[in-house]
Amino acid sequence: MRSWDLYCADLKFTRTFLMTYRSFTSAERLLAKLRQRFNVPAAKKDQKLPIQLRVVNLLYQWITDYWFDFTPKMQQLLSEFIETLPTSLAKKLQTAIDRQVCIYYYWGIWPILILLLACWAYNRIAAITRCSYASGSYSQGPEEHFLSTTVPI
């Protein structure tokens, strides 16, 4: 496999894992296990950096996609862990945290609601398009069909 293929497979696994980990462990326990994994035993020096980068990338994705998992207690534990990281890795995670704090605490829930509404509208338009094509009711192009007033919403 090429490195890009490995990156994509790793990203897919990470996203799937972060969606499902709550079914078998808690956020606090996961963070503790990630801290353990980051501190690779000295016997594995050649594998140390790739493992640490994977842990940091998983944490970055977790912070970016599932910030609501980070209660004040979790944020404190995460901050303690970030203080032990090398500067470049700590900066990456701190930037992600700052961005999420800005979004969630200053903007509230509005960005999430707008995103959900946009997804709903996109899926609704796609469903109408599929139904119209299937029934053969298109007498004009799809753009004109959506702009007409006869389309039920």
N, C-alpha and C. Protein backbone atom coordinates (compact mmCIF):
# COMPACT_ATOMS: atom_id res chain seq x y z
N MET A 1 0.84 -1.20 0.00
CA MET A 1 0.00 0.00 0.00
C MET A 1 0.87 1.25 0.00
N ARG A 2 0.41 2.26 -0.70
CA ARG A 2 1.11 3.53 -0.69
C ARG A 2 0.77 4.28 0.59
N SER A 3 1.58 5.27 0.91
CA SER A 3 1.38 6.02 2.15
C SER A 3 0.02 6.73 2.16
N TRP A 4 -0.42 7.24 0.98
CA TRP A 4 -1.72 7.91 0.92
C TRP A 4 -2.85 6.93 1.24
N ASP A 5 -2.75 5.68 0.74
CA ASP A 5 -3.76 4.67 1.03
C ASP A 5 -3.80 4.37 2.52
N LEU A 6 -2.63 4.30 3.14
CA LEU A 6 -2.59 4.05 4.58
C LEU A 6 -3.21 5.21 5.34
N TYR A 7 -2.94 6.44 4.90
CA TYR A 7 -3.52 7.61 5.55
C TYR A 7 -5.05 7.57 5.45
N CYS A 8 -5.58 7.27 4.27
CA CYS A 8 -7.04 7.22 4.09
C CYS A 8 -7.66 6.11 4.93
N ALA A 9 -7.01 4.95 4.97
CA ALA A 9 -7.52 3.85 5.79
C ALA A 9 -7.49 4.23 7.26
N ASP A 10 -6.43 4.90 7.68
CA ASP A 10 -6.32 5.33 9.07
C ASP A 10 -7.38 6.37 9.41
N LEU A 11 -7.65 7.30 8.49
CA LEU A 11 -8.66 8.32 8.71
C LEU A 11 -10.05 7.71 8.80
N LYS A 12 -10.33 6.75 7.94
CA LYS A 12 -11.64 6.06 7.97
C LYS A 12 -11.81 5.30 9.28
N PHE A 13 -10.77 4.60 9.70
CA PHE A 13 -10.83 3.89 10.97
C PHE A 13 -11.05 4.86 12.13
N THR A 14 -10.31 5.97 12.11
CA THR A 14 -10.42 6.96 13.19
C THR A 14 -11.83 7.49 13.30
N ARG A 15 -12.41 7.86 12.18
CA ARG A 15 -13.77 8.41 12.21
C ARG A 15 -14.78 7.37 12.70
N THR A 16 -14.63 6.14 12.23
CA THR A 16 -15.53 5.08 12.68
C THR A 16 -15.35 4.81 14.17
N PHE A 17 -14.11 4.75 14.61
CA PHE A 17 -13.83 4.51 16.02
C PHE A 17 -14.43 5.61 16.90
N LEU A 18 -14.25 6.86 16.51
CA LEU A 18 -14.76 7.97 17.32
C LEU A 18 -16.28 8.01 17.36
N MET A 19 -16.94 7.48 16.33
CA MET A 19 -18.40 7.42 16.36
C MET A 19 -18.91 6.32 17.27
N THR A 20 -18.10 5.27 17.49
CA THR A 20 -18.61 4.09 18.18
C THR A 20 -17.99 3.79 19.54
N TYR A 21 -16.94 4.48 19.93
CA TYR A 21 -16.23 4.08 21.16
C TYR A 21 -17.12 4.15 22.40
N ARG A 22 -18.14 5.00 22.38
CA ARG A 22 -19.02 5.16 23.55
C ARG A 22 -19.78 3.89 23.90
N SER A 23 -19.85 2.95 22.96
CA SER A 23 -20.56 1.70 23.22
C SER A 23 -19.75 0.73 24.08
N PHE A 24 -18.44 0.99 24.24
CA PHE A 24 -17.65 0.06 25.04
C PHE A 24 -16.72 0.73 26.05
N THR A 25 -16.63 2.05 26.08
CA THR A 25 -15.80 2.71 27.08
C THR A 25 -16.26 4.16 27.27
N SER A 26 -15.68 4.81 28.24
CA SER A 26 -16.01 6.22 28.50
C SER A 26 -14.94 7.12 27.88
N ALA A 27 -15.27 8.39 27.76
CA ALA A 27 -14.32 9.36 27.19
C ALA A 27 -13.08 9.49 28.08
N GLU A 28 -13.28 9.48 29.40
CA GLU A 28 -12.13 9.60 30.31
C GLU A 28 -11.18 8.41 30.17
N ARG A 29 -11.75 7.23 30.06
CA ARG A 29 -10.91 6.03 29.93
C ARG A 29 -10.18 6.03 28.58
N LEU A 30 -10.86 6.46 27.53
CA LEU A 30 -10.21 6.53 26.23
C LEU A 30 -9.04 7.50 26.25
N LEU A 31 -9.24 8.66 26.85
CA LEU A 31 -8.15 9.64 26.93
C LEU A 31 -6.98 9.08 27.73
N ALA A 32 -7.26 8.36 28.81
CA ALA A 32 -6.20 7.75 29.61
C ALA A 32 -5.43 6.70 28.78
N LYS A 33 -6.14 5.91 28.01
CA LYS A 33 -5.49 4.89 27.18
C LYS A 33 -4.67 5.53 26.05
N LEU A 34 -5.16 6.64 25.52
CA LEU A 34 -4.40 7.34 24.49
C LEU A 34 -3.11 7.93 25.07
N ARG A 35 -3.19 8.42 26.30
CA ARG A 35 -1.98 8.92 26.97
C ARG A 35 -0.97 7.79 27.15
N GLN A 36 -1.47 6.63 27.57
CA GLN A 36 -0.60 5.46 27.73
C GLN A 36 0.05 5.08 26.40
N ARG A 37 -0.75 5.08 25.35
CA ARG A 37 -0.25 4.69 24.03
C ARG A 37 0.79 5.68 23.52
N PHE A 38 0.59 6.96 23.82
CA PHE A 38 1.55 7.98 23.39
C PHE A 38 2.92 7.73 23.99
N ASN A 39 2.96 7.28 25.22
CA ASN A 39 4.22 7.01 25.92
C ASN A 39 4.68 5.58 25.61
N VAL A 40 5.17 5.39 24.39
CA VAL A 40 5.60 4.08 23.90
C VAL A 40 6.84 3.65 24.68
N PRO A 41 6.93 2.37 25.04
CA PRO A 41 8.13 1.90 25.75
C PRO A 41 9.40 2.16 24.93
N ALA A 42 10.50 2.36 25.63
CA ALA A 42 11.77 2.70 24.99
C ALA A 42 12.28 1.59 24.07
N ALA A 43 11.84 0.34 24.25
CA ALA A 43 12.30 -0.78 23.43
C ALA A 43 11.85 -0.64 21.97
N LYS A 44 10.87 0.18 21.73
CA LYS A 44 10.33 0.33 20.38
C LYS A 44 10.67 1.71 19.81
N LYS A 45 11.91 2.10 19.87
CA LYS A 45 12.34 3.45 19.44
C LYS A 45 11.98 3.74 17.98
N ASP A 46 12.15 2.75 17.08
CA ASP A 46 11.89 2.99 15.67
C ASP A 46 10.41 3.19 15.37
N GLN A 47 9.54 2.73 16.25
CA GLN A 47 8.10 2.87 16.05
C GLN A 47 7.50 4.00 16.89
N LYS A 48 8.31 4.63 17.70
CA LYS A 48 7.80 5.62 18.65
C LYS A 48 7.14 6.82 17.97
N LEU A 49 7.81 7.44 17.03
CA LEU A 49 7.27 8.63 16.39
C LEU A 49 5.97 8.36 15.61
N PRO A 50 5.90 7.30 14.77
CA PRO A 50 4.64 7.04 14.06
C PRO A 50 3.46 6.79 15.01
N ILE A 51 3.70 6.10 16.10
CA ILE A 51 2.64 5.83 17.08
C ILE A 51 2.19 7.13 17.73
N GLN A 52 3.15 7.97 18.11
CA GLN A 52 2.80 9.24 18.74
C GLN A 52 2.02 10.14 17.79
N LEU A 53 2.42 10.15 16.52
CA LEU A 53 1.70 10.97 15.54
C LEU A 53 0.27 10.47 15.34
N ARG A 54 0.09 9.16 15.33
CA ARG A 54 -1.26 8.61 15.21
C ARG A 54 -2.12 8.99 16.41
N VAL A 55 -1.56 8.95 17.59
CA VAL A 55 -2.31 9.34 18.79
C VAL A 55 -2.71 10.81 18.70
N VAL A 56 -1.78 11.66 18.33
CA VAL A 56 -2.08 13.09 18.23
C VAL A 56 -3.12 13.35 17.13
N ASN A 57 -3.00 12.65 16.01
CA ASN A 57 -3.99 12.81 14.94
C ASN A 57 -5.38 12.35 15.38
N LEU A 58 -5.44 11.27 16.13
CA LEU A 58 -6.73 10.81 16.65
C LEU A 58 -7.31 11.84 17.63
N LEU A 59 -6.47 12.37 18.50
CA LEU A 59 -6.93 13.40 19.43
C LEU A 59 -7.41 14.64 18.67
N TYR A 60 -6.68 15.03 17.64
CA TYR A 60 -7.07 16.19 16.83
C TYR A 60 -8.44 15.97 16.20
N GLN A 61 -8.64 14.79 15.64
CA GLN A 61 -9.93 14.47 15.02
C GLN A 61 -11.04 14.44 16.07
N TRP A 62 -10.74 13.90 17.22
CA TRP A 62 -11.72 13.82 18.32
C TRP A 62 -12.13 15.22 18.76
N ILE A 63 -11.14 16.08 18.94
CA ILE A 63 -11.42 17.46 19.35
C ILE A 63 -12.24 18.18 18.28
N THR A 64 -11.85 17.99 17.03
CA THR A 64 -12.50 18.69 15.93
C THR A 64 -13.93 18.22 15.70
N ASP A 65 -14.16 16.92 15.74
CA ASP A 65 -15.48 16.37 15.39
C ASP A 65 -16.40 16.12 16.58
N TYR A 66 -15.86 15.90 17.76
CA TYR A 66 -16.68 15.51 18.91
C TYR A 66 -16.32 16.32 20.16
N TRP A 67 -16.25 17.62 20.00
CA TRP A 67 -15.88 18.48 21.12
C TRP A 67 -16.85 18.33 22.29
N PHE A 68 -18.10 18.00 22.01
CA PHE A 68 -19.08 17.85 23.08
C PHE A 68 -18.73 16.71 24.04
N ASP A 69 -17.80 15.83 23.67
CA ASP A 69 -17.34 14.77 24.59
C ASP A 69 -16.46 15.35 25.70
N PHE A 70 -15.92 16.53 25.48
CA PHE A 70 -14.96 17.10 26.40
C PHE A 70 -15.65 17.98 27.45
N THR A 71 -16.00 17.34 28.55
CA THR A 71 -16.56 18.05 29.69
C THR A 71 -15.45 18.89 30.31
N PRO A 72 -15.78 19.78 31.25
CA PRO A 72 -14.70 20.54 31.91
C PRO A 72 -13.61 19.64 32.51
N LYS A 73 -14.01 18.51 33.09
CA LYS A 73 -13.03 17.58 33.66
C LYS A 73 -12.13 17.02 32.55
N MET A 74 -12.75 16.64 31.42
CA MET A 74 -11.99 16.11 30.29
C MET A 74 -11.06 17.18 29.72
N GLN A 75 -11.53 18.41 29.66
CA GLN A 75 -10.70 19.49 29.15
C GLN A 75 -9.47 19.69 30.03
N GLN A 76 -9.67 19.54 31.33
CA GLN A 76 -8.54 19.66 32.26
C GLN A 76 -7.53 18.53 32.03
N LEU A 77 -8.04 17.30 31.89
CA LEU A 77 -7.15 16.16 31.63
C LEU A 77 -6.41 16.32 30.31
N LEU A 78 -7.11 16.81 29.31
CA LEU A 78 -6.50 17.04 28.00
C LEU A 78 -5.42 18.13 28.09
N SER A 79 -5.70 19.19 28.82
CA SER A 79 -4.71 20.26 28.99
C SER A 79 -3.45 19.76 29.69
N GLU A 80 -3.63 18.91 30.69
CA GLU A 80 -2.47 18.33 31.39
C GLU A 80 -1.64 17.48 30.44
N PHE A 81 -2.31 16.73 29.57
CA PHE A 81 -1.59 15.91 28.60
C PHE A 81 -0.86 16.77 27.58
N ILE A 82 -1.51 17.82 27.09
CA ILE A 82 -0.90 18.70 26.09
C ILE A 82 0.36 19.36 26.63
N GLU A 83 0.39 19.66 27.93
CA GLU A 83 1.57 20.28 28.54
C GLU A 83 2.80 19.37 28.46
N THR A 84 2.59 18.06 28.35
CA THR A 84 3.71 17.12 28.30
C THR A 84 4.19 16.86 26.88
N LEU A 85 3.47 17.37 25.87
CA LEU A 85 3.81 17.09 24.48
C LEU A 85 4.92 18.02 23.96
N PRO A 86 5.61 17.58 22.92
CA PRO A 86 6.54 18.49 22.24
C PRO A 86 5.78 19.69 21.67
N THR A 87 6.45 20.80 21.50
CA THR A 87 5.82 22.06 21.12
C THR A 87 4.97 21.97 19.85
N SER A 88 5.49 21.34 18.80
CA SER A 88 4.75 21.30 17.53
C SER A 88 3.45 20.52 17.65
N LEU A 89 3.49 19.41 18.38
CA LEU A 89 2.28 18.60 18.57
C LEU A 89 1.30 19.30 19.49
N ALA A 90 1.83 19.93 20.53
CA ALA A 90 0.97 20.66 21.47
C ALA A 90 0.27 21.81 20.77
N LYS A 91 0.99 22.49 19.90
CA LYS A 91 0.41 23.63 19.18
C LYS A 91 -0.74 23.18 18.29
N LYS A 92 -0.59 22.04 17.62
CA LYS A 92 -1.64 21.51 16.74
C LYS A 92 -2.91 21.25 17.54
N LEU A 93 -2.78 20.60 18.69
CA LEU A 93 -3.96 20.29 19.50
C LEU A 93 -4.54 21.54 20.14
N GLN A 94 -3.70 22.45 20.59
CA GLN A 94 -4.19 23.67 21.22
C GLN A 94 -4.95 24.54 20.22
N THR A 95 -4.49 24.57 18.98
CA THR A 95 -5.20 25.31 17.94
C THR A 95 -6.59 24.72 17.71
N ALA A 96 -6.68 23.40 17.69
CA ALA A 96 -7.98 22.74 17.51
C ALA A 96 -8.91 23.05 18.69
N ILE A 97 -8.37 23.04 19.88
CA ILE A 97 -9.18 23.34 21.07
C ILE A 97 -9.67 24.78 21.02
N ASP A 98 -8.78 25.71 20.71
CA ASP A 98 -9.16 27.12 20.64
C ASP A 98 -10.27 27.34 19.61
N ARG A 99 -10.17 26.67 18.48
CA ARG A 99 -11.20 26.79 17.44
C ARG A 99 -12.54 26.27 17.94
N GLN A 100 -12.53 25.13 18.61
CA GLN A 100 -13.79 24.54 19.11
C GLN A 100 -14.39 25.39 20.22
N VAL A 101 -13.55 25.92 21.09
CA VAL A 101 -14.06 26.79 22.16
C VAL A 101 -14.73 28.01 21.55
N CYS A 102 -14.11 28.56 20.53
CA CYS A 102 -14.69 29.73 19.85
C CYS A 102 -16.04 29.38 19.24
N ILE A 103 -16.11 28.26 18.56
CA ILE A 103 -17.36 27.87 17.90
C ILE A 103 -18.45 27.58 18.91
N TYR A 104 -18.17 26.74 19.89
CA TYR A 104 -19.21 26.27 20.80
C TYR A 104 -19.60 27.28 21.87
N TYR A 105 -18.62 28.01 22.38
CA TYR A 105 -18.93 28.90 23.49
C TYR A 105 -19.32 30.31 23.06
N TYR A 106 -18.79 30.76 21.95
CA TYR A 106 -19.13 32.10 21.50
C TYR A 106 -20.31 32.11 20.54
N TRP A 107 -20.40 31.11 19.68
CA TRP A 107 -21.47 31.05 18.70
C TRP A 107 -22.64 30.21 19.18
N GLY A 108 -22.43 29.41 20.19
CA GLY A 108 -23.50 28.55 20.68
C GLY A 108 -23.77 27.40 19.73
N ILE A 109 -25.01 26.99 19.65
CA ILE A 109 -25.37 25.83 18.85
C ILE A 109 -25.75 26.20 17.42
N TRP A 110 -25.78 27.47 17.06
CA TRP A 110 -26.23 27.89 15.74
C TRP A 110 -25.44 27.28 14.60
N PRO A 111 -24.10 27.19 14.64
CA PRO A 111 -23.40 26.57 13.50
C PRO A 111 -23.84 25.13 13.27
N ILE A 112 -24.10 24.40 14.34
CA ILE A 112 -24.53 23.01 14.21
C ILE A 112 -25.92 22.94 13.59
N LEU A 113 -26.82 23.80 14.04
CA LEU A 113 -28.17 23.81 13.49
C LEU A 113 -28.17 24.19 12.02
N ILE A 114 -27.36 25.16 11.64
CA ILE A 114 -27.27 25.56 10.23
C ILE A 114 -26.74 24.41 9.38
N LEU A 115 -25.73 23.71 9.88
CA LEU A 115 -25.18 22.57 9.16
C LEU A 115 -26.22 21.47 9.00
N LEU A 116 -26.95 21.17 10.07
CA LEU A 116 -28.00 20.15 9.99
C LEU A 116 -29.10 20.55 9.01
N LEU A 117 -29.48 21.80 9.02
CA LEU A 117 -30.49 22.28 8.08
C LEU A 117 -30.00 22.16 6.64
N ALA A 118 -28.75 22.51 6.40
CA ALA A 118 -28.18 22.39 5.05
C ALA A 118 -28.15 20.94 4.59
N CYS A 119 -27.78 20.02 5.49
CA CYS A 119 -27.77 18.59 5.15
C CYS A 119 -29.18 18.10 4.85
N TRP A 120 -30.14 18.51 5.66
CA TRP A 120 -31.52 18.10 5.44
C TRP A 120 -32.01 18.60 4.09
N ALA A 121 -31.73 19.86 3.77
CA ALA A 121 -32.18 20.44 2.50
C ALA A 121 -31.52 19.71 1.32
N TYR A 122 -30.25 19.41 1.44
CA TYR A 122 -29.55 18.70 0.37
C TYR A 122 -30.17 17.32 0.15
N ASN A 123 -30.42 16.59 1.24
CA ASN A 123 -31.02 15.26 1.12
C ASN A 123 -32.44 15.33 0.56
N ARG A 124 -33.18 16.35 0.93
CA ARG A 124 -34.54 16.53 0.43
C ARG A 124 -34.53 16.77 -1.07
N ILE A 125 -33.63 17.63 -1.54
CA ILE A 125 -33.52 17.91 -2.97
C ILE A 125 -33.10 16.65 -3.72
N ALA A 126 -32.16 15.90 -3.16
CA ALA A 126 -31.72 14.66 -3.80
C ALA A 126 -32.86 13.66 -3.88
N ALA A 127 -33.70 13.57 -2.85
CA ALA A 127 -34.84 12.65 -2.86
C ALA A 127 -35.85 13.06 -3.92
N ILE A 128 -36.11 14.34 -4.04
CA ILE A 128 -37.07 14.82 -5.06
C ILE A 128 -36.54 14.50 -6.44
N THR A 129 -35.24 14.70 -6.65
CA THR A 129 -34.63 14.42 -7.95
C THR A 129 -34.77 12.94 -8.29
N ARG A 130 -34.49 12.06 -7.34
CA ARG A 130 -34.61 10.63 -7.59
C ARG A 130 -36.04 10.25 -7.93
N CYS A 131 -37.02 10.77 -7.19
CA CYS A 131 -38.42 10.46 -7.44
C CYS A 131 -38.86 10.97 -8.80
N SER A 132 -38.45 12.16 -9.16
CA SER A 132 -38.85 12.74 -10.44
C SER A 132 -38.26 11.96 -11.61
N TYR A 133 -36.99 11.55 -11.48
CA TYR A 133 -36.38 10.77 -12.54
C TYR A 133 -37.06 9.40 -12.65
N ALA A 134 -37.35 8.80 -11.50
CA ALA A 134 -37.95 7.47 -11.50
C ALA A 134 -39.35 7.48 -12.11
N SER A 135 -40.13 8.51 -11.84
CA SER A 135 -41.50 8.57 -12.36
C SER A 135 -41.56 9.12 -13.78
N GLY A 136 -40.45 9.63 -14.27
CA GLY A 136 -40.41 10.17 -15.62
C GLY A 136 -41.15 11.48 -15.76
N SER A 137 -41.29 12.22 -14.66
CA SER A 137 -42.04 13.47 -14.70
C SER A 137 -41.23 14.67 -15.13
N TYR A 138 -39.98 14.45 -15.52
CA TYR A 138 -39.16 15.56 -15.99
C TYR A 138 -39.55 15.95 -17.40
N SER A 139 -40.00 17.15 -17.57
CA SER A 139 -40.23 17.67 -18.92
C SER A 139 -39.19 18.71 -19.25
N GLN A 140 -38.40 19.05 -18.26
CA GLN A 140 -37.34 20.05 -18.43
C GLN A 140 -36.14 19.59 -17.64
N GLY A 141 -35.07 20.34 -17.67
CA GLY A 141 -33.86 19.98 -16.95
C GLY A 141 -34.06 20.05 -15.45
N PRO A 142 -33.18 19.42 -14.68
CA PRO A 142 -33.33 19.40 -13.23
C PRO A 142 -33.32 20.79 -12.59
N GLU A 143 -32.53 21.73 -13.16
CA GLU A 143 -32.48 23.07 -12.57
C GLU A 143 -33.83 23.76 -12.66
N GLU A 144 -34.45 23.68 -13.84
CA GLU A 144 -35.76 24.31 -14.01
C GLU A 144 -36.81 23.62 -13.17
N HIS A 145 -36.68 22.29 -13.03
CA HIS A 145 -37.65 21.52 -12.24
C HIS A 145 -37.66 21.98 -10.79
N PHE A 146 -36.47 22.23 -10.22
CA PHE A 146 -36.41 22.66 -8.82
C PHE A 146 -36.88 24.09 -8.63
N LEU A 147 -36.76 24.89 -9.67
CA LEU A 147 -37.17 26.28 -9.56
C LEU A 147 -38.65 26.47 -9.81
N SER A 148 -39.33 25.46 -10.35
CA SER A 148 -40.75 25.59 -10.60
C SER A 148 -41.52 25.52 -9.30
N THR A 149 -42.73 26.01 -9.31
CA THR A 149 -43.53 26.05 -8.09
C THR A 149 -44.32 24.78 -7.87
N THR A 150 -44.26 23.84 -8.79
CA THR A 150 -45.06 22.62 -8.66
C THR A 150 -44.37 21.53 -7.87
N VAL A 151 -43.16 21.75 -7.46
CA VAL A 151 -42.41 20.72 -6.71
C VAL A 151 -42.86 20.75 -5.25
N PRO A 152 -43.38 19.62 -4.74
CA PRO A 152 -43.79 19.60 -3.32
C PRO A 152 -42.58 19.56 -2.42
N ILE A 153 -42.61 20.32 -1.35
CA ILE A 153 -41.49 20.33 -0.40
C ILE A 153 -41.97 19.91 0.96
